[in-house]
Amino acid sequence: MVGYELTMHLQQIDNQLTKLMKSYQDYQSMNKQQVPTISFIRHFLNAAGITFIIIAVTYAISLFFENAKAFIPYIALGQSILAISIYIIFAVKLQEGQANRSELWHQSQTANSIYELDQQRFEILQELAASSIPQNYVTPTAIKRMSQLVKSGKCMTIDECLARLSQETGSQKHKEEVNLIQYLQTISYH
């Protein structure tokens, strides 16, 4: 491949890599827990804090009323139960609202099922494997760099581009992309 044919091939690989990365991000977002949950300890601390504040405020107000001191423990207990009940209702509604929002967001982001995303990744990886570019250079960073080299006229064939790329120092991002694509190859193997 030379010149225009190489440019078109690199653009095709770049498009496939873009689809592959998008598919993998969609797959990851489907597998992640979308709703952050509040732990039981956090709920307990919130309820204890609310109870402490209510009891402290109730006793502070009772200092002004001499006749009400006999009923203050009952009033504080009733207020605490009411406040904790409201907190529980609020926490449940908040959890349901977050779950609904994340579900709607998730459905709008990915229209494909996990199986379809896996199939799409597998097909793209097969097409990338059929390319004449070695697998260690089939990464978004390397393909973009090769495209730049071809457009600037610094290389005309794949071998020249690979020689130029091998002379340049390997970036950490390129290594991470190689590892990611190798990982995708192992999990997408059918």
N, C-alpha and C. Protein backbone atom coordinates (compact mmCIF):
# COMPACT_ATOMS: atom_id res chain seq x y z
N MET A 1 0.84 -1.18 0.00
CA MET A 1 0.00 0.00 0.00
C MET A 1 0.88 1.24 0.00
N VAL A 2 0.52 2.16 -0.86
CA VAL A 2 1.32 3.37 -1.01
C VAL A 2 0.38 4.56 -1.13
N GLY A 3 0.80 5.68 -0.54
CA GLY A 3 0.11 6.95 -0.73
C GLY A 3 -1.35 6.96 -0.32
N TYR A 4 -2.21 7.21 -1.31
CA TYR A 4 -3.64 7.36 -1.06
C TYR A 4 -4.25 6.08 -0.49
N GLU A 5 -3.83 4.94 -1.02
CA GLU A 5 -4.35 3.66 -0.52
C GLU A 5 -4.00 3.46 0.95
N LEU A 6 -2.77 3.82 1.31
CA LEU A 6 -2.34 3.73 2.71
C LEU A 6 -3.13 4.69 3.59
N THR A 7 -3.36 5.90 3.10
CA THR A 7 -4.15 6.89 3.85
C THR A 7 -5.56 6.37 4.11
N MET A 8 -6.17 5.82 3.08
CA MET A 8 -7.53 5.28 3.24
C MET A 8 -7.54 4.10 4.21
N HIS A 9 -6.53 3.24 4.13
CA HIS A 9 -6.44 2.10 5.04
C HIS A 9 -6.29 2.57 6.49
N LEU A 10 -5.44 3.57 6.69
CA LEU A 10 -5.25 4.11 8.05
C LEU A 10 -6.52 4.76 8.57
N GLN A 11 -7.26 5.45 7.71
CA GLN A 11 -8.53 6.05 8.13
C GLN A 11 -9.54 4.97 8.50
N GLN A 12 -9.57 3.90 7.72
CA GLN A 12 -10.49 2.80 8.03
C GLN A 12 -10.13 2.16 9.37
N ILE A 13 -8.86 1.94 9.61
CA ILE A 13 -8.44 1.35 10.89
C ILE A 13 -8.75 2.31 12.04
N ASP A 14 -8.52 3.61 11.82
CA ASP A 14 -8.83 4.60 12.85
C ASP A 14 -10.32 4.58 13.19
N ASN A 15 -11.17 4.50 12.18
CA ASN A 15 -12.62 4.41 12.42
C ASN A 15 -12.98 3.15 13.19
N GLN A 16 -12.36 2.04 12.83
CA GLN A 16 -12.64 0.78 13.54
C GLN A 16 -12.18 0.86 14.99
N LEU A 17 -11.01 1.46 15.21
CA LEU A 17 -10.52 1.60 16.59
C LEU A 17 -11.41 2.52 17.41
N THR A 18 -11.93 3.57 16.77
CA THR A 18 -12.85 4.46 17.47
C THR A 18 -14.12 3.71 17.87
N LYS A 19 -14.65 2.91 16.95
CA LYS A 19 -15.83 2.09 17.27
C LYS A 19 -15.52 1.10 18.37
N LEU A 20 -14.33 0.50 18.31
CA LEU A 20 -13.94 -0.49 19.32
C LEU A 20 -13.87 0.14 20.70
N MET A 21 -13.25 1.30 20.80
CA MET A 21 -13.13 1.97 22.10
C MET A 21 -14.49 2.42 22.62
N LYS A 22 -15.34 2.91 21.73
CA LYS A 22 -16.70 3.31 22.14
C LYS A 22 -17.49 2.10 22.61
N SER A 23 -17.37 1.00 21.89
CA SER A 23 -18.06 -0.23 22.26
C SER A 23 -17.58 -0.72 23.63
N TYR A 24 -16.28 -0.64 23.86
CA TYR A 24 -15.73 -1.08 25.14
C TYR A 24 -16.21 -0.17 26.27
N GLN A 25 -16.26 1.14 26.03
CA GLN A 25 -16.77 2.06 27.05
C GLN A 25 -18.23 1.78 27.36
N ASP A 26 -19.03 1.50 26.33
CA ASP A 26 -20.44 1.15 26.55
C ASP A 26 -20.54 -0.13 27.36
N TYR A 27 -19.72 -1.10 27.02
CA TYR A 27 -19.72 -2.39 27.73
C TYR A 27 -19.36 -2.18 29.20
N GLN A 28 -18.34 -1.36 29.45
CA GLN A 28 -17.95 -1.09 30.83
C GLN A 28 -19.05 -0.37 31.59
N SER A 29 -19.71 0.59 30.94
CA SER A 29 -20.75 1.34 31.63
C SER A 29 -21.95 0.45 31.94
N MET A 30 -22.19 -0.56 31.12
CA MET A 30 -23.30 -1.48 31.40
C MET A 30 -22.98 -2.38 32.59
N ASN A 31 -21.71 -2.69 32.77
CA ASN A 31 -21.32 -3.59 33.85
C ASN A 31 -21.09 -2.88 35.17
N LYS A 32 -20.93 -1.56 35.13
CA LYS A 32 -20.72 -0.82 36.37
C LYS A 32 -22.04 -0.61 37.09
N GLN A 33 -21.94 -0.54 38.39
CA GLN A 33 -23.13 -0.21 39.17
C GLN A 33 -23.38 1.28 38.99
N GLN A 34 -24.54 1.64 38.47
CA GLN A 34 -24.81 3.03 38.11
C GLN A 34 -25.22 3.88 39.31
N VAL A 35 -25.81 3.29 40.31
CA VAL A 35 -26.33 4.05 41.44
C VAL A 35 -25.38 3.91 42.62
N PRO A 36 -24.76 5.01 43.03
CA PRO A 36 -23.92 4.90 44.21
C PRO A 36 -24.80 4.70 45.44
N THR A 37 -24.49 3.70 46.21
CA THR A 37 -25.31 3.39 47.38
C THR A 37 -24.65 3.97 48.62
N ILE A 38 -25.49 4.35 49.55
CA ILE A 38 -25.02 4.85 50.84
C ILE A 38 -24.98 3.67 51.79
N SER A 39 -23.87 3.51 52.46
CA SER A 39 -23.70 2.36 53.34
C SER A 39 -24.60 2.48 54.57
N PHE A 40 -24.81 1.35 55.22
CA PHE A 40 -25.63 1.31 56.44
C PHE A 40 -25.00 2.17 57.53
N ILE A 41 -23.69 2.15 57.63
CA ILE A 41 -23.01 2.94 58.65
C ILE A 41 -23.27 4.43 58.43
N ARG A 42 -23.24 4.85 57.17
CA ARG A 42 -23.50 6.26 56.85
C ARG A 42 -24.94 6.64 57.24
N HIS A 43 -25.90 5.76 56.92
CA HIS A 43 -27.28 6.02 57.32
C HIS A 43 -27.40 6.08 58.84
N PHE A 44 -26.72 5.17 59.52
CA PHE A 44 -26.77 5.14 60.98
C PHE A 44 -26.20 6.43 61.56
N LEU A 45 -25.07 6.88 61.02
CA LEU A 45 -24.47 8.13 61.50
C LEU A 45 -25.37 9.33 61.23
N ASN A 46 -26.00 9.35 60.07
CA ASN A 46 -26.94 10.44 59.77
C ASN A 46 -28.11 10.44 60.75
N ALA A 47 -28.69 9.27 61.01
CA ALA A 47 -29.81 9.17 61.94
C ALA A 47 -29.38 9.56 63.35
N ALA A 48 -28.20 9.12 63.77
CA ALA A 48 -27.70 9.47 65.10
C ALA A 48 -27.47 10.98 65.21
N GLY A 49 -26.94 11.58 64.16
CA GLY A 49 -26.73 13.03 64.16
C GLY A 49 -28.03 13.79 64.24
N ILE A 50 -29.02 13.36 63.48
CA ILE A 50 -30.34 14.00 63.52
C ILE A 50 -30.94 13.88 64.91
N THR A 51 -30.86 12.69 65.48
CA THR A 51 -31.41 12.46 66.83
C THR A 51 -30.71 13.35 67.85
N PHE A 52 -29.39 13.42 67.81
CA PHE A 52 -28.64 14.23 68.76
C PHE A 52 -29.03 15.70 68.64
N ILE A 53 -29.12 16.20 67.42
CA ILE A 53 -29.47 17.61 67.22
C ILE A 53 -30.87 17.89 67.74
N ILE A 54 -31.82 17.00 67.46
CA ILE A 54 -33.20 17.22 67.91
C ILE A 54 -33.28 17.20 69.43
N ILE A 55 -32.62 16.25 70.05
CA ILE A 55 -32.66 16.17 71.53
C ILE A 55 -31.99 17.40 72.14
N ALA A 56 -30.85 17.82 71.59
CA ALA A 56 -30.15 18.99 72.13
C ALA A 56 -31.01 20.25 71.99
N VAL A 57 -31.62 20.43 70.83
CA VAL A 57 -32.46 21.62 70.61
C VAL A 57 -33.69 21.57 71.52
N THR A 58 -34.29 20.39 71.66
CA THR A 58 -35.47 20.26 72.52
C THR A 58 -35.13 20.61 73.97
N TYR A 59 -34.00 20.09 74.47
CA TYR A 59 -33.62 20.41 75.85
C TYR A 59 -33.22 21.88 76.00
N ALA A 60 -32.62 22.46 74.97
CA ALA A 60 -32.27 23.88 75.04
C ALA A 60 -33.53 24.74 75.11
N ILE A 61 -34.53 24.39 74.35
CA ILE A 61 -35.79 25.14 74.38
C ILE A 61 -36.51 24.92 75.71
N SER A 62 -36.38 23.71 76.27
CA SER A 62 -37.09 23.41 77.52
C SER A 62 -36.55 24.20 78.70
N LEU A 63 -35.35 24.73 78.58
CA LEU A 63 -34.80 25.54 79.67
C LEU A 63 -35.63 26.80 79.91
N PHE A 64 -36.35 27.25 78.88
CA PHE A 64 -37.17 28.45 79.01
C PHE A 64 -38.55 28.15 79.60
N PHE A 65 -38.96 26.88 79.61
CA PHE A 65 -40.28 26.51 80.11
C PHE A 65 -40.14 25.60 81.32
N GLU A 66 -40.43 26.12 82.51
CA GLU A 66 -40.32 25.35 83.75
C GLU A 66 -41.36 24.25 83.82
N ASN A 67 -42.57 24.51 83.38
CA ASN A 67 -43.66 23.54 83.51
C ASN A 67 -43.52 22.37 82.54
N ALA A 68 -42.80 22.53 81.46
CA ALA A 68 -42.73 21.50 80.42
C ALA A 68 -41.60 20.50 80.64
N LYS A 69 -40.80 20.66 81.71
CA LYS A 69 -39.66 19.78 81.91
C LYS A 69 -40.06 18.33 82.12
N ALA A 70 -41.21 18.06 82.60
CA ALA A 70 -41.66 16.68 82.82
C ALA A 70 -41.98 15.98 81.50
N PHE A 71 -42.39 16.75 80.50
CA PHE A 71 -42.78 16.15 79.22
C PHE A 71 -41.66 16.18 78.16
N ILE A 72 -40.56 16.82 78.46
CA ILE A 72 -39.49 16.99 77.47
C ILE A 72 -38.94 15.66 76.96
N PRO A 73 -38.68 14.66 77.77
CA PRO A 73 -38.16 13.38 77.22
C PRO A 73 -39.14 12.77 76.21
N TYR A 74 -40.44 12.87 76.47
CA TYR A 74 -41.43 12.31 75.55
C TYR A 74 -41.48 13.12 74.24
N ILE A 75 -41.40 14.43 74.39
CA ILE A 75 -41.40 15.28 73.20
C ILE A 75 -40.15 15.00 72.35
N ALA A 76 -38.99 14.90 72.99
CA ALA A 76 -37.74 14.62 72.27
C ALA A 76 -37.80 13.26 71.58
N LEU A 77 -38.34 12.26 72.26
CA LEU A 77 -38.47 10.92 71.67
C LEU A 77 -39.39 10.96 70.45
N GLY A 78 -40.53 11.63 70.59
CA GLY A 78 -41.47 11.74 69.46
C GLY A 78 -40.85 12.47 68.28
N GLN A 79 -40.15 13.56 68.56
CA GLN A 79 -39.50 14.30 67.47
C GLN A 79 -38.41 13.47 66.80
N SER A 80 -37.66 12.72 67.59
CA SER A 80 -36.60 11.87 67.02
C SER A 80 -37.18 10.80 66.12
N ILE A 81 -38.24 10.14 66.58
CA ILE A 81 -38.88 9.09 65.76
C ILE A 81 -39.42 9.69 64.48
N LEU A 82 -40.07 10.84 64.59
CA LEU A 82 -40.60 11.51 63.40
C LEU A 82 -39.48 11.90 62.43
N ALA A 83 -38.39 12.46 62.95
CA ALA A 83 -37.28 12.89 62.10
C ALA A 83 -36.61 11.71 61.41
N ILE A 84 -36.40 10.62 62.14
CA ILE A 84 -35.78 9.43 61.55
C ILE A 84 -36.69 8.82 60.50
N SER A 85 -37.99 8.82 60.75
CA SER A 85 -38.94 8.30 59.75
C SER A 85 -38.89 9.14 58.47
N ILE A 86 -38.87 10.45 58.63
CA ILE A 86 -38.77 11.32 57.46
C ILE A 86 -37.45 11.10 56.73
N TYR A 87 -36.36 10.92 57.49
CA TYR A 87 -35.06 10.65 56.88
C TYR A 87 -35.10 9.35 56.07
N ILE A 88 -35.70 8.32 56.61
CA ILE A 88 -35.79 7.03 55.90
C ILE A 88 -36.59 7.19 54.61
N ILE A 89 -37.72 7.88 54.69
CA ILE A 89 -38.54 8.09 53.49
C ILE A 89 -37.76 8.90 52.46
N PHE A 90 -37.07 9.94 52.92
CA PHE A 90 -36.27 10.77 52.02
C PHE A 90 -35.15 9.96 51.37
N ALA A 91 -34.47 9.13 52.14
CA ALA A 91 -33.37 8.32 51.61
C ALA A 91 -33.87 7.32 50.58
N VAL A 92 -35.02 6.69 50.84
CA VAL A 92 -35.58 5.73 49.88
C VAL A 92 -35.98 6.43 48.59
N LYS A 93 -36.64 7.58 48.70
CA LYS A 93 -37.05 8.33 47.50
C LYS A 93 -35.82 8.80 46.71
N LEU A 94 -34.80 9.23 47.42
CA LEU A 94 -33.58 9.67 46.76
C LEU A 94 -32.91 8.52 46.01
N GLN A 95 -32.86 7.35 46.62
CA GLN A 95 -32.28 6.16 45.96
C GLN A 95 -33.08 5.81 44.71
N GLU A 96 -34.41 5.83 44.81
CA GLU A 96 -35.25 5.49 43.65
C GLU A 96 -35.06 6.51 42.54
N GLY A 97 -34.97 7.78 42.89
CA GLY A 97 -34.77 8.82 41.89
C GLY A 97 -33.43 8.67 41.17
N GLN A 98 -32.38 8.36 41.92
CA GLN A 98 -31.07 8.15 41.30
C GLN A 98 -31.09 6.93 40.41
N ALA A 99 -31.75 5.88 40.84
CA ALA A 99 -31.82 4.65 40.03
C ALA A 99 -32.56 4.93 38.72
N ASN A 100 -33.66 5.66 38.79
CA ASN A 100 -34.42 5.98 37.57
C ASN A 100 -33.62 6.86 36.62
N ARG A 101 -32.94 7.88 37.17
CA ARG A 101 -32.14 8.77 36.32
C ARG A 101 -30.99 8.01 35.66
N SER A 102 -30.30 7.17 36.42
CA SER A 102 -29.17 6.45 35.83
C SER A 102 -29.64 5.43 34.82
N GLU A 103 -30.81 4.82 35.06
CA GLU A 103 -31.34 3.85 34.10
C GLU A 103 -31.72 4.54 32.80
N LEU A 104 -32.36 5.71 32.88
CA LEU A 104 -32.72 6.45 31.68
C LEU A 104 -31.48 6.92 30.94
N TRP A 105 -30.48 7.40 31.68
CA TRP A 105 -29.25 7.84 31.06
C TRP A 105 -28.56 6.68 30.37
N HIS A 106 -28.52 5.56 31.05
CA HIS A 106 -27.84 4.39 30.51
C HIS A 106 -28.54 3.88 29.26
N GLN A 107 -29.87 3.87 29.26
CA GLN A 107 -30.60 3.41 28.08
C GLN A 107 -30.39 4.36 26.91
N SER A 108 -30.28 5.65 27.18
CA SER A 108 -30.07 6.59 26.09
C SER A 108 -28.65 6.51 25.55
N GLN A 109 -27.69 6.12 26.39
CA GLN A 109 -26.30 6.05 25.95
C GLN A 109 -26.03 4.82 25.09
N THR A 110 -26.57 3.68 25.46
CA THR A 110 -26.30 2.46 24.72
C THR A 110 -27.60 1.80 24.34
N ALA A 111 -27.77 1.60 23.05
CA ALA A 111 -28.97 0.94 22.57
C ALA A 111 -28.73 -0.55 22.38
N ASN A 112 -27.48 -0.97 22.47
CA ASN A 112 -27.13 -2.36 22.24
C ASN A 112 -27.07 -3.14 23.55
N SER A 113 -27.34 -4.43 23.45
CA SER A 113 -27.21 -5.28 24.62
C SER A 113 -25.74 -5.66 24.79
N ILE A 114 -25.43 -6.30 25.89
CA ILE A 114 -24.05 -6.73 26.14
C ILE A 114 -23.60 -7.70 25.05
N TYR A 115 -24.49 -8.60 24.65
CA TYR A 115 -24.15 -9.57 23.61
C TYR A 115 -23.84 -8.87 22.29
N GLU A 116 -24.66 -7.87 21.93
CA GLU A 116 -24.43 -7.15 20.68
C GLU A 116 -23.12 -6.37 20.73
N LEU A 117 -22.82 -5.77 21.88
CA LEU A 117 -21.56 -5.05 22.02
C LEU A 117 -20.37 -6.00 21.90
N ASP A 118 -20.51 -7.18 22.49
CA ASP A 118 -19.44 -8.17 22.41
C ASP A 118 -19.25 -8.64 20.96
N GLN A 119 -20.35 -8.86 20.27
CA GLN A 119 -20.28 -9.27 18.86
C GLN A 119 -19.62 -8.18 18.02
N GLN A 120 -20.00 -6.94 18.27
CA GLN A 120 -19.43 -5.82 17.53
C GLN A 120 -17.92 -5.73 17.78
N ARG A 121 -17.50 -5.86 19.03
CA ARG A 121 -16.08 -5.83 19.35
C ARG A 121 -15.34 -6.97 18.66
N PHE A 122 -15.94 -8.16 18.67
CA PHE A 122 -15.31 -9.32 18.05
C PHE A 122 -15.11 -9.10 16.56
N GLU A 123 -16.12 -8.58 15.87
CA GLU A 123 -16.02 -8.33 14.43
C GLU A 123 -14.94 -7.28 14.13
N ILE A 124 -14.90 -6.23 14.93
CA ILE A 124 -13.90 -5.19 14.71
C ILE A 124 -12.50 -5.75 14.94
N LEU A 125 -12.34 -6.55 15.99
CA LEU A 125 -11.03 -7.14 16.27
C LEU A 125 -10.59 -8.08 15.15
N GLN A 126 -11.54 -8.79 14.55
CA GLN A 126 -11.20 -9.65 13.42
C GLN A 126 -10.72 -8.82 12.23
N GLU A 127 -11.41 -7.71 11.97
CA GLU A 127 -11.01 -6.84 10.86
C GLU A 127 -9.64 -6.22 11.13
N LEU A 128 -9.39 -5.83 12.38
CA LEU A 128 -8.08 -5.25 12.72
C LEU A 128 -6.98 -6.29 12.58
N ALA A 129 -7.27 -7.54 12.94
CA ALA A 129 -6.27 -8.60 12.83
C ALA A 129 -5.92 -8.89 11.37
N ALA A 130 -6.86 -8.65 10.46
CA ALA A 130 -6.62 -8.89 9.04
C ALA A 130 -5.77 -7.79 8.40
N SER A 131 -5.54 -6.72 9.11
CA SER A 131 -4.76 -5.61 8.57
C SER A 131 -3.30 -6.02 8.41
N SER A 132 -2.61 -5.36 7.49
CA SER A 132 -1.19 -5.65 7.27
C SER A 132 -0.29 -4.95 8.29
N ILE A 133 -0.87 -4.15 9.15
CA ILE A 133 -0.11 -3.47 10.20
C ILE A 133 0.06 -4.43 11.37
N PRO A 134 1.29 -4.57 11.91
CA PRO A 134 1.50 -5.46 13.06
C PRO A 134 0.62 -5.06 14.25
N GLN A 135 0.24 -6.05 15.04
CA GLN A 135 -0.70 -5.83 16.14
C GLN A 135 -0.18 -4.85 17.19
N ASN A 136 1.13 -4.77 17.38
CA ASN A 136 1.67 -3.83 18.37
C ASN A 136 1.52 -2.37 17.94
N TYR A 137 1.17 -2.15 16.67
CA TYR A 137 1.00 -0.79 16.17
C TYR A 137 -0.45 -0.48 15.84
N VAL A 138 -1.35 -1.40 16.11
CA VAL A 138 -2.77 -1.15 15.85
C VAL A 138 -3.38 -0.57 17.12
N THR A 139 -3.05 0.68 17.37
CA THR A 139 -3.61 1.43 18.50
C THR A 139 -4.00 2.81 17.98
N PRO A 140 -4.94 3.48 18.63
CA PRO A 140 -5.33 4.82 18.17
C PRO A 140 -4.14 5.78 18.08
N THR A 141 -3.24 5.74 19.06
CA THR A 141 -2.10 6.65 19.05
C THR A 141 -1.18 6.38 17.86
N ALA A 142 -0.84 5.11 17.64
CA ALA A 142 0.07 4.76 16.55
C ALA A 142 -0.57 5.03 15.18
N ILE A 143 -1.84 4.73 15.04
CA ILE A 143 -2.50 4.95 13.75
C ILE A 143 -2.59 6.44 13.44
N LYS A 144 -2.90 7.26 14.44
CA LYS A 144 -2.94 8.71 14.22
C LYS A 144 -1.56 9.24 13.84
N ARG A 145 -0.54 8.72 14.51
CA ARG A 145 0.83 9.15 14.19
C ARG A 145 1.22 8.72 12.78
N MET A 146 0.84 7.50 12.39
CA MET A 146 1.13 7.05 11.02
C MET A 146 0.41 7.93 10.00
N SER A 147 -0.83 8.28 10.29
CA SER A 147 -1.59 9.15 9.38
C SER A 147 -0.89 10.50 9.23
N GLN A 148 -0.39 11.04 10.33
CA GLN A 148 0.33 12.31 10.28
C GLN A 148 1.60 12.18 9.43
N LEU A 149 2.31 11.06 9.60
CA LEU A 149 3.54 10.85 8.83
C LEU A 149 3.24 10.73 7.34
N VAL A 150 2.17 10.02 6.99
CA VAL A 150 1.81 9.86 5.58
C VAL A 150 1.38 11.20 4.98
N LYS A 151 0.55 11.95 5.71
CA LYS A 151 0.08 13.24 5.20
C LYS A 151 1.22 14.25 5.04
N SER A 152 2.21 14.17 5.93
CA SER A 152 3.34 15.10 5.84
C SER A 152 4.37 14.64 4.81
N GLY A 153 4.24 13.42 4.30
CA GLY A 153 5.16 12.91 3.29
C GLY A 153 6.42 12.30 3.86
N LYS A 154 6.47 12.08 5.16
CA LYS A 154 7.67 11.49 5.78
C LYS A 154 7.76 9.99 5.57
N CYS A 155 6.64 9.37 5.22
CA CYS A 155 6.67 7.94 4.88
C CYS A 155 5.60 7.68 3.83
N MET A 156 5.89 6.70 3.00
CA MET A 156 4.96 6.40 1.90
C MET A 156 4.40 4.98 1.99
N THR A 157 5.07 4.10 2.73
CA THR A 157 4.61 2.72 2.87
C THR A 157 4.46 2.39 4.34
N ILE A 158 3.82 1.27 4.59
CA ILE A 158 3.64 0.83 5.98
C ILE A 158 4.99 0.56 6.63
N ASP A 159 5.90 -0.06 5.88
CA ASP A 159 7.22 -0.38 6.44
C ASP A 159 7.98 0.88 6.84
N GLU A 160 7.91 1.92 6.01
CA GLU A 160 8.57 3.17 6.35
C GLU A 160 7.95 3.80 7.60
N CYS A 161 6.62 3.75 7.68
CA CYS A 161 5.93 4.30 8.85
C CYS A 161 6.29 3.53 10.11
N LEU A 162 6.36 2.21 10.00
CA LEU A 162 6.72 1.39 11.16
C LEU A 162 8.15 1.67 11.60
N ALA A 163 9.05 1.87 10.62
CA ALA A 163 10.44 2.19 10.96
C ALA A 163 10.50 3.52 11.70
N ARG A 164 9.73 4.51 11.24
CA ARG A 164 9.71 5.82 11.91
C ARG A 164 9.12 5.70 13.32
N LEU A 165 8.04 4.92 13.44
CA LEU A 165 7.41 4.76 14.75
C LEU A 165 8.32 4.03 15.73
N SER A 166 9.05 3.04 15.24
CA SER A 166 9.93 2.28 16.14
C SER A 166 11.10 3.14 16.61
N GLN A 167 11.50 4.15 15.81
CA GLN A 167 12.57 5.05 16.22
C GLN A 167 12.11 6.00 17.32
N GLU A 168 10.85 6.37 17.28
CA GLU A 168 10.31 7.27 18.30
C GLU A 168 10.13 6.48 19.59
N THR A 169 10.25 7.16 20.68
CA THR A 169 10.10 6.48 21.97
C THR A 169 8.64 6.08 22.16
N GLY A 170 8.44 4.90 22.71
CA GLY A 170 7.08 4.40 22.97
C GLY A 170 6.48 5.14 24.15
N SER A 171 5.33 5.73 23.94
CA SER A 171 4.69 6.47 25.02
C SER A 171 3.93 5.51 25.94
N GLN A 172 3.68 5.98 27.13
CA GLN A 172 2.93 5.18 28.10
C GLN A 172 1.51 4.95 27.60
N LYS A 173 0.95 5.96 26.94
CA LYS A 173 -0.41 5.84 26.42
C LYS A 173 -0.48 4.73 25.37
N HIS A 174 0.53 4.66 24.50
CA HIS A 174 0.57 3.62 23.47
C HIS A 174 0.63 2.24 24.12
N LYS A 175 1.45 2.10 25.15
CA LYS A 175 1.57 0.81 25.85
C LYS A 175 0.25 0.41 26.50
N GLU A 176 -0.43 1.39 27.10
CA GLU A 176 -1.73 1.10 27.71
C GLU A 176 -2.74 0.69 26.66
N GLU A 177 -2.71 1.34 25.49
CA GLU A 177 -3.64 0.98 24.42
C GLU A 177 -3.36 -0.42 23.88
N VAL A 178 -2.07 -0.77 23.76
CA VAL A 178 -1.72 -2.13 23.31
C VAL A 178 -2.25 -3.15 24.31
N ASN A 179 -2.04 -2.88 25.60
CA ASN A 179 -2.53 -3.80 26.64
C ASN A 179 -4.05 -3.90 26.61
N LEU A 180 -4.74 -2.79 26.40
CA LEU A 180 -6.20 -2.81 26.34
C LEU A 180 -6.69 -3.63 25.15
N ILE A 181 -6.08 -3.44 24.00
CA ILE A 181 -6.51 -4.19 22.82
C ILE A 181 -6.21 -5.68 23.00
N GLN A 182 -5.08 -6.01 23.61
CA GLN A 182 -4.79 -7.42 23.89
C GLN A 182 -5.82 -7.99 24.87
N TYR A 183 -6.19 -7.20 25.86
CA TYR A 183 -7.23 -7.63 26.80
C TYR A 183 -8.56 -7.85 26.08
N LEU A 184 -8.91 -6.92 25.19
CA LEU A 184 -10.16 -7.06 24.43
C LEU A 184 -10.12 -8.30 23.55
N GLN A 185 -8.96 -8.62 23.01
CA GLN A 185 -8.84 -9.82 22.19
C GLN A 185 -9.08 -11.07 23.02
N THR A 186 -8.60 -11.07 24.26
CA THR A 186 -8.79 -12.27 25.09
C THR A 186 -10.23 -12.41 25.57
N ILE A 187 -10.90 -11.30 25.91
CA ILE A 187 -12.27 -11.44 26.41
C ILE A 187 -13.28 -11.59 25.29
N SER A 188 -12.90 -11.20 24.06
CA SER A 188 -13.84 -11.29 22.95
C SER A 188 -13.65 -12.54 22.11
N TYR A 189 -12.79 -13.42 22.55
CA TYR A 189 -12.53 -14.64 21.78
C TYR A 189 -13.72 -15.57 21.87
N HIS A 190 -14.23 -16.03 20.74
CA HIS A 190 -15.39 -16.93 20.72
C HIS A 190 -14.99 -18.29 20.26
